[in-house]
Amino acid sequence: MTKKRKSHQAWSWVFMIVFIVLSIIDFRFGILGIICMTTPMILALRGSGKAHCSFYCPRGSLLGKFLKPISFHNNLPKWAKSNKVKNMLLFAMVSMLTIGMFHANREGFNLMKTGFTLFRFMTASLLVGIMMGIVFKPRTWCQVCPMGHGTAIIDKGLKGRKITKEKNLSQ
């Protein structure tokens, strides 16, 4: 019998609201965005795949909870869910974050500028997610989310290594 994992999706949206409010009060709180970006990767590297997306993601929780009444509930076009589009979005987001962090810290680490950069990055992706959730289904962002796609790539790589390792051991 497998133990069913409890989902925190019903209330994890609170973390996104707290992050935004604190970051508006003081940009240095934007540094907390690192938690939102590293947690999915850590879970994926530990073999949990996309568990963050399914059980914990505050952005997905917020989009699912608050956009249902105003969403048009359209399906995302099939081409937009392709790996090509997801790879381009992942590359664009990583590039934007890298450039932002470079500019924020080119004269040495600056907590205020780094926090603002992370806050701006997280807020921009949330706004895109909200727009997508209104035009399409509430959690449409989750279908193309760079973090979700990145964790899927990690999960696929880990499973591939495991299969190769098992195959080598059986020979």
C-alpha atoms as a PDB file:
ATOM      1  CA  MET A   1       0.000   0.000   0.000  1.00  0.00           C
ATOM      2  CA  THR A   2       1.455   3.368  -0.994  1.00  0.00           C
ATOM      3  CA  LYS A   3       0.956   6.363   1.232  1.00  0.00           C
ATOM      4  CA  LYS A   4      -0.862   9.195  -0.526  1.00  0.00           C
ATOM      5  CA  ARG A   5       1.052  12.452  -0.307  1.00  0.00           C
ATOM      6  CA  LYS A   6      -0.934  15.372   1.086  1.00  0.00           C
ATOM      7  CA  SER A   7      -1.237  18.352  -1.222  1.00  0.00           C
ATOM      8  CA  HIS A   8      -0.681  21.815   0.174  1.00  0.00           C
ATOM      9  CA  GLN A   9      -2.170  23.434  -2.933  1.00  0.00           C
ATOM     10  CA  ALA A  10      -5.278  24.560  -1.020  1.00  0.00           C
ATOM     11  CA  TRP A  11      -3.314  27.043   1.074  1.00  0.00           C
ATOM     12  CA  SER A  12       0.216  27.467  -0.311  1.00  0.00           C
ATOM     13  CA  TRP A  13      -0.951  30.566  -2.242  1.00  0.00           C
ATOM     14  CA  VAL A  14      -0.505  32.414   1.056  1.00  0.00           C
ATOM     15  CA  PHE A  15       3.280  32.208   0.601  1.00  0.00           C
ATOM     16  CA  MET A  16       3.058  34.002  -2.757  1.00  0.00           C
ATOM     17  CA  ILE A  17       0.953  36.810  -1.278  1.00  0.00           C
ATOM     18  CA  VAL A  18       3.297  37.145   1.730  1.00  0.00           C
ATOM     19  CA  PHE A  19       6.319  37.204  -0.610  1.00  0.00           C
ATOM     20  CA  ILE A  20       4.809  39.980  -2.742  1.00  0.00           C
ATOM     21  CA  VAL A  21       3.653  42.094   0.218  1.00  0.00           C
ATOM     22  CA  LEU A  22       6.967  41.776   2.083  1.00  0.00           C
ATOM     23  CA  SER A  23       8.925  42.538  -1.092  1.00  0.00           C
ATOM     24  CA  ILE A  24       6.868  45.667  -1.719  1.00  0.00           C
ATOM     25  CA  ILE A  25       7.510  46.798   1.866  1.00  0.00           C
ATOM     26  CA  ASP A  26      11.242  46.116   1.532  1.00  0.00           C
ATOM     27  CA  PHE A  27      12.860  44.835  -1.672  1.00  0.00           C
ATOM     28  CA  ARG A  28      15.382  42.851   0.358  1.00  0.00           C
ATOM     29  CA  PHE A  29      12.621  40.305   1.056  1.00  0.00           C
ATOM     30  CA  GLY A  30      12.762  39.527  -2.666  1.00  0.00           C
ATOM     31  CA  ILE A  31      15.728  37.303  -1.849  1.00  0.00           C
ATOM     32  CA  LEU A  32      13.122  34.804  -0.591  1.00  0.00           C
ATOM     33  CA  GLY A  33      12.348  34.160  -4.263  1.00  0.00           C
ATOM     34  CA  ILE A  34      15.384  31.886  -4.222  1.00  0.00           C
ATOM     35  CA  ILE A  35      13.355  29.432  -2.133  1.00  0.00           C
ATOM     36  CA  CYS A  36      10.652  29.344  -4.787  1.00  0.00           C
ATOM     37  CA  MET A  37      13.234  28.724  -7.506  1.00  0.00           C
ATOM     38  CA  THR A  38      15.431  26.170  -5.753  1.00  0.00           C
ATOM     39  CA  THR A  39      12.841  24.012  -3.990  1.00  0.00           C
ATOM     40  CA  PRO A  40      11.497  22.394  -7.198  1.00  0.00           C
ATOM     41  CA  MET A  41      15.041  21.633  -8.349  1.00  0.00           C
ATOM     42  CA  ILE A  42      16.042  20.137  -4.992  1.00  0.00           C
ATOM     43  CA  LEU A  43      12.940  17.937  -4.953  1.00  0.00           C
ATOM     44  CA  ALA A  44      13.603  16.809  -8.524  1.00  0.00           C
ATOM     45  CA  LEU A  45      17.266  16.033  -7.764  1.00  0.00           C
ATOM     46  CA  ARG A  46      16.119  13.958  -4.772  1.00  0.00           C
ATOM     47  CA  GLY A  47      13.979  11.862  -7.125  1.00  0.00           C
ATOM     48  CA  SER A  48      10.590  13.441  -6.416  1.00  0.00           C
ATOM     49  CA  GLY A  49      10.073  14.553 -10.027  1.00  0.00           C
ATOM     50  CA  LYS A  50       7.519  17.326 -10.358  1.00  0.00           C
ATOM     51  CA  ALA A  51       6.224  16.929  -6.782  1.00  0.00           C
ATOM     52  CA  HIS A  52       6.609  20.670  -6.219  1.00  0.00           C
ATOM     53  CA  CYS A  53       4.222  21.400  -9.081  1.00  0.00           C
ATOM     54  CA  SER A  54       1.649  18.881  -7.903  1.00  0.00           C
ATOM     55  CA  PHE A  55       1.722  19.446  -4.169  1.00  0.00           C
ATOM     56  CA  TYR A  56       3.439  22.669  -3.102  1.00  0.00           C
ATOM     57  CA  CYS A  57       3.744  25.420  -5.733  1.00  0.00           C
ATOM     58  CA  PRO A  58       2.413  28.714  -4.302  1.00  0.00           C
ATOM     59  CA  ARG A  59       2.043  30.306  -7.751  1.00  0.00           C
ATOM     60  CA  GLY A  60      -0.009  27.393  -9.088  1.00  0.00           C
ATOM     61  CA  SER A  61      -2.092  27.430  -5.906  1.00  0.00           C
ATOM     62  CA  LEU A  62      -2.781  31.165  -6.262  1.00  0.00           C
ATOM     63  CA  LEU A  63      -3.673  30.883  -9.948  1.00  0.00           C
ATOM     64  CA  GLY A  64      -5.964  27.895  -9.351  1.00  0.00           C
ATOM     65  CA  LYS A  65      -7.722  29.445  -6.372  1.00  0.00           C
ATOM     66  CA  PHE A  66      -8.373  32.982  -7.567  1.00  0.00           C
ATOM     67  CA  LEU A  67      -8.727  32.772 -11.352  1.00  0.00           C
ATOM     68  CA  LYS A  68     -11.538  30.189 -11.604  1.00  0.00           C
ATOM     69  CA  PRO A  69     -14.382  32.729 -11.525  1.00  0.00           C
ATOM     70  CA  ILE A  70     -12.825  35.094 -14.091  1.00  0.00           C
ATOM     71  CA  SER A  71     -11.116  32.623 -16.416  1.00  0.00           C
ATOM     72  CA  PHE A  72     -12.450  32.002 -19.929  1.00  0.00           C
ATOM     73  CA  HIS A  73     -11.437  28.327 -19.452  1.00  0.00           C
ATOM     74  CA  ASN A  74     -10.034  27.968 -22.974  1.00  0.00           C
ATOM     75  CA  ASN A  75      -7.501  25.255 -23.753  1.00  0.00           C
ATOM     76  CA  LEU A  76      -3.928  26.307 -24.412  1.00  0.00           C
ATOM     77  CA  PRO A  77      -3.092  25.658 -28.088  1.00  0.00           C
ATOM     78  CA  LYS A  78      -1.235  22.389 -28.619  1.00  0.00           C
ATOM     79  CA  TRP A  79       1.795  24.120 -30.163  1.00  0.00           C
ATOM     80  CA  ALA A  80       2.250  26.214 -26.994  1.00  0.00           C
ATOM     81  CA  LYS A  81       2.704  23.040 -24.916  1.00  0.00           C
ATOM     82  CA  SER A  82       5.485  21.723 -27.150  1.00  0.00           C
ATOM     83  CA  ASN A  83       8.975  21.100 -25.802  1.00  0.00           C
ATOM     84  CA  LYS A  84      10.299  23.648 -28.295  1.00  0.00           C
ATOM     85  CA  VAL A  85       8.173  26.420 -26.748  1.00  0.00           C
ATOM     86  CA  LYS A  86       8.968  25.245 -23.202  1.00  0.00           C
ATOM     87  CA  ASN A  87      12.702  25.182 -23.986  1.00  0.00           C
ATOM     88  CA  MET A  88      12.547  28.685 -25.480  1.00  0.00           C
ATOM     89  CA  LEU A  89      10.659  29.964 -22.427  1.00  0.00           C
ATOM     90  CA  LEU A  90      13.125  28.270 -20.060  1.00  0.00           C
ATOM     91  CA  PHE A  91      16.058  29.794 -21.957  1.00  0.00           C
ATOM     92  CA  ALA A  92      14.410  33.248 -22.000  1.00  0.00           C
ATOM     93  CA  MET A  93      13.630  33.174 -18.280  1.00  0.00           C
ATOM     94  CA  VAL A  94      17.094  31.927 -17.273  1.00  0.00           C
ATOM     95  CA  SER A  95      18.665  34.571 -19.533  1.00  0.00           C
ATOM     96  CA  MET A  96      16.522  37.365 -18.086  1.00  0.00           C
ATOM     97  CA  LEU A  97      17.302  36.307 -14.522  1.00  0.00           C
ATOM     98  CA  THR A  98      21.028  35.970 -15.271  1.00  0.00           C
ATOM     99  CA  ILE A  99      21.211  39.398 -16.923  1.00  0.00           C
ATOM    100  CA  GLY A 100      19.205  40.949 -14.082  1.00  0.00           C
ATOM    101  CA  MET A 101      21.446  39.393 -11.435  1.00  0.00           C
ATOM    102  CA  PHE A 102      24.567  40.476 -13.338  1.00  0.00           C
ATOM    103  CA  HIS A 103      23.394  44.088 -13.470  1.00  0.00           C
ATOM    104  CA  ALA A 104      22.273  44.039  -9.827  1.00  0.00           C
ATOM    105  CA  ASN A 105      25.619  42.773  -8.594  1.00  0.00           C
ATOM    106  CA  ARG A 106      28.212  43.996 -11.083  1.00  0.00           C
ATOM    107  CA  GLU A 107      29.830  46.183  -8.436  1.00  0.00           C
ATOM    108  CA  GLY A 108      29.680  43.500  -5.727  1.00  0.00           C
ATOM    109  CA  PHE A 109      26.787  41.780  -3.980  1.00  0.00           C
ATOM    110  CA  ASN A 110      23.970  44.180  -3.177  1.00  0.00           C
ATOM    111  CA  LEU A 111      21.109  42.670  -1.156  1.00  0.00           C
ATOM    112  CA  MET A 112      18.641  45.434  -2.062  1.00  0.00           C
ATOM    113  CA  LYS A 113      19.282  45.176  -5.812  1.00  0.00           C
ATOM    114  CA  THR A 114      19.379  41.359  -5.742  1.00  0.00           C
ATOM    115  CA  GLY A 115      16.108  41.258  -3.810  1.00  0.00           C
ATOM    116  CA  PHE A 116      14.500  43.685  -6.234  1.00  0.00           C
ATOM    117  CA  THR A 117      15.704  41.648  -9.212  1.00  0.00           C
ATOM    118  CA  LEU A 118      14.219  38.446  -7.783  1.00  0.00           C
ATOM    119  CA  PHE A 119      11.003  40.242  -6.800  1.00  0.00           C
ATOM    120  CA  ARG A 120      10.654  41.715 -10.294  1.00  0.00           C
ATOM    121  CA  PHE A 121      11.336  38.330 -11.903  1.00  0.00           C
ATOM    122  CA  MET A 122       8.829  36.488  -9.702  1.00  0.00           C
ATOM    123  CA  THR A 123       6.177  39.176 -10.087  1.00  0.00           C
ATOM    124  CA  ALA A 124       6.576  39.348 -13.871  1.00  0.00           C
ATOM    125  CA  SER A 125       6.118  35.590 -14.210  1.00  0.00           C
ATOM    126  CA  LEU A 126       3.101  35.739 -11.878  1.00  0.00           C
ATOM    127  CA  LEU A 127       1.548  38.486 -14.024  1.00  0.00           C
ATOM    128  CA  VAL A 128       2.114  36.414 -17.175  1.00  0.00           C
ATOM    129  CA  GLY A 129       0.542  33.465 -15.360  1.00  0.00           C
ATOM    130  CA  ILE A 130      -2.465  35.584 -14.379  1.00  0.00           C
ATOM    131  CA  MET A 131      -2.970  36.795 -17.963  1.00  0.00           C
ATOM    132  CA  MET A 132      -2.680  33.243 -19.280  1.00  0.00           C
ATOM    133  CA  GLY A 133      -5.048  32.021 -16.551  1.00  0.00           C
ATOM    134  CA  ILE A 134      -7.687  34.543 -17.539  1.00  0.00           C
ATOM    135  CA  VAL A 135      -7.488  33.878 -21.286  1.00  0.00           C
ATOM    136  CA  PHE A 136      -7.048  30.122 -20.909  1.00  0.00           C
ATOM    137  CA  LYS A 137      -7.614  27.849 -17.895  1.00  0.00           C
ATOM    138  CA  PRO A 138      -6.586  29.154 -14.437  1.00  0.00           C
ATOM    139  CA  ARG A 139      -3.401  27.083 -14.109  1.00  0.00           C
ATOM    140  CA  THR A 140      -2.313  27.325 -17.757  1.00  0.00           C
ATOM    141  CA  TRP A 141       1.027  28.810 -16.673  1.00  0.00           C
ATOM    142  CA  CYS A 142       1.753  25.461 -15.018  1.00  0.00           C
ATOM    143  CA  GLN A 143       1.698  23.779 -18.448  1.00  0.00           C
ATOM    144  CA  VAL A 144       4.608  25.911 -19.679  1.00  0.00           C
ATOM    145  CA  CYS A 145       6.276  26.912 -16.397  1.00  0.00           C
ATOM    146  CA  PRO A 146      10.070  26.944 -16.783  1.00  0.00           C
ATOM    147  CA  MET A 147      10.521  25.491 -13.279  1.00  0.00           C
ATOM    148  CA  GLY A 148       8.143  22.636 -14.046  1.00  0.00           C
ATOM    149  CA  HIS A 149       9.855  22.020 -17.364  1.00  0.00           C
ATOM    150  CA  GLY A 150      13.274  22.152 -15.712  1.00  0.00           C
ATOM    151  CA  THR A 151      12.241  19.646 -13.058  1.00  0.00           C
ATOM    152  CA  ALA A 152      10.807  17.366 -15.763  1.00  0.00           C
ATOM    153  CA  ILE A 153      14.168  17.494 -17.570  1.00  0.00           C
ATOM    154  CA  ILE A 154      15.983  16.651 -14.317  1.00  0.00           C
ATOM    155  CA  ASP A 155      13.535  13.833 -13.565  1.00  0.00           C
ATOM    156  CA  LYS A 156      13.876  12.373 -17.056  1.00  0.00           C
ATOM    157  CA  GLY A 157      17.681  12.545 -16.797  1.00  0.00           C
ATOM    158  CA  LEU A 158      17.703  10.839 -13.403  1.00  0.00           C
ATOM    159  CA  LYS A 159      15.371   8.082 -14.608  1.00  0.00           C
ATOM    160  CA  GLY A 160      17.557   7.608 -17.697  1.00  0.00           C
ATOM    161  CA  ARG A 161      20.653   7.261 -15.505  1.00  0.00           C
ATOM    162  CA  LYS A 162      18.842   4.787 -13.251  1.00  0.00           C
ATOM    163  CA  ILE A 163      17.746   2.636 -16.203  1.00  0.00           C
ATOM    164  CA  THR A 164      21.285   2.708 -17.666  1.00  0.00           C
ATOM    165  CA  LYS A 165      22.772   1.840 -14.280  1.00  0.00           C
ATOM    166  CA  GLU A 166      20.327  -1.050 -13.788  1.00  0.00           C
ATOM    167  CA  LYS A 167      20.988  -2.268 -17.333  1.00  0.00           C
ATOM    168  CA  ASN A 168      24.771  -2.240 -16.723  1.00  0.00           C
ATOM    169  CA  LEU A 169      24.357  -4.086 -13.411  1.00  0.00           C
ATOM    170  CA  SER A 170      22.256  -6.820 -15.017  1.00  0.00           C
ATOM    171  CA  GLN A 171      24.841  -7.512 -17.706  1.00  0.00           C
END
